Amino acid sequence: MKKLWTETKVGNMNLPHRLAMAPMIRSLANDDGTPGEIAAHYYSQRASLGLIITEGTQPFADGQGYLNTPGIYTKEHNPDLLKD
């Protein structure tokens, strides 16, 4: 049990313990795939845990597995995506 609370390194991240929170929610993005305010609130409530593995995103509109999941394929999803 003591190992659970010891510091560890994962890649280039130093973690204060060996706990990680897996994705636990889906469908909190807006209809257009932009992240919803409720998702930001959900994760901000849990941020003090440490490492949070967040939800998956679809790279194309036709790759959406569930309604209202976040995307990464428009300027609204990722402002750096379509820079001139």
Protein backbone atom coordinates (compact mmCIF):
# COMPACT_ATOMS: atom_id res chain seq x y z
CA MET A 1 0.00 0.00 0.00
CA LYS A 2 2.91 2.37 0.66
CA LYS A 3 4.00 2.21 -3.00
CA LEU A 4 0.66 3.70 -4.06
CA TRP A 5 1.54 6.98 -2.36
CA THR A 6 5.17 7.22 -3.50
CA GLU A 7 6.38 9.61 -6.18
CA THR A 8 6.79 8.21 -9.68
CA LYS A 9 7.84 9.40 -13.10
CA VAL A 10 5.78 8.72 -16.24
CA GLY A 11 7.54 9.93 -19.37
CA ASN A 12 8.57 13.50 -18.57
CA MET A 13 5.98 13.96 -15.80
CA ASN A 14 6.80 13.68 -12.12
CA LEU A 15 3.71 12.51 -10.27
CA PRO A 16 3.22 12.86 -6.50
CA HIS A 17 1.71 9.35 -6.27
CA ARG A 18 0.72 6.41 -8.45
CA LEU A 19 -2.94 7.28 -8.85
CA ALA A 20 -4.51 8.28 -12.15
CA MET A 21 -8.12 9.03 -12.93
CA ALA A 22 -9.49 7.36 -16.02
CA PRO A 23 -12.16 8.94 -18.24
CA MET A 24 -15.53 8.64 -16.55
CA ILE A 25 -17.87 10.77 -18.61
CA ARG A 26 -18.98 11.13 -22.19
CA SER A 27 -21.17 13.43 -24.20
CA LEU A 28 -20.37 16.72 -22.47
CA ALA A 29 -19.34 18.66 -25.59
CA ASN A 30 -21.67 21.02 -27.38
CA ASP A 31 -23.57 19.84 -30.47
CA ASP A 32 -20.77 21.14 -32.74
CA GLY A 33 -18.08 19.19 -30.87
CA THR A 34 -16.58 22.10 -28.94
CA PRO A 35 -15.92 21.30 -25.29
CA GLY A 36 -18.84 22.18 -23.05
CA GLU A 37 -18.66 24.21 -19.85
CA ILE A 38 -19.87 21.22 -17.86
CA ALA A 39 -16.81 19.19 -18.91
CA ALA A 40 -14.47 21.95 -17.75
CA HIS A 41 -16.34 22.10 -14.44
CA TYR A 42 -16.26 18.30 -14.05
CA TYR A 43 -12.49 18.10 -14.54
CA SER A 44 -11.73 21.21 -12.47
CA GLN A 45 -13.50 19.55 -9.54
CA ARG A 46 -11.13 16.58 -9.84
CA ALA A 47 -7.89 18.35 -10.79
CA SER A 48 -6.33 18.07 -7.34
CA LEU A 49 -5.99 14.28 -7.74
CA GLY A 50 -3.01 14.63 -10.06
CA LEU A 51 -2.90 12.82 -13.40
CA ILE A 52 -6.25 12.78 -15.21
CA ILE A 53 -6.56 10.84 -18.44
CA THR A 54 -9.21 12.82 -20.29
CA GLU A 55 -11.84 11.87 -22.80
CA GLY A 56 -11.01 10.83 -26.32
CA THR A 57 -11.70 13.12 -29.23
CA GLN A 58 -12.70 12.41 -32.79
CA PRO A 59 -10.39 13.66 -35.55
CA PHE A 60 -13.21 13.94 -38.12
CA ALA A 61 -16.95 14.59 -37.87
CA ASP A 62 -17.73 11.13 -39.25
CA GLY A 63 -15.52 9.53 -36.59
CA GLN A 64 -17.86 10.43 -33.74
CA GLY A 65 -18.79 7.35 -31.73
CA TYR A 66 -21.17 9.07 -29.30
CA LEU A 67 -23.24 12.23 -29.54
CA ASN A 68 -21.74 15.39 -28.07
CA THR A 69 -18.17 14.14 -27.78
CA PRO A 70 -15.36 16.66 -28.35
CA GLY A 71 -13.69 17.02 -31.72
CA ILE A 72 -10.33 18.34 -32.91
CA TYR A 73 -11.11 19.02 -36.57
CA THR A 74 -12.37 22.62 -36.73
CA LYS A 75 -10.93 26.01 -35.79
CA GLU A 76 -13.47 26.20 -32.93
CA HIS A 77 -12.09 22.94 -31.48
CA ASN A 78 -8.44 23.90 -31.96
CA PRO A 79 -7.69 27.57 -32.82
CA ASP A 80 -4.13 26.67 -33.89
CA LEU A 81 -5.37 24.13 -36.44
CA LEU A 82 -6.22 26.54 -39.23
CA LYS A 83 -3.73 29.36 -38.70
CA ASP A 84 -2.67 31.24 -41.83
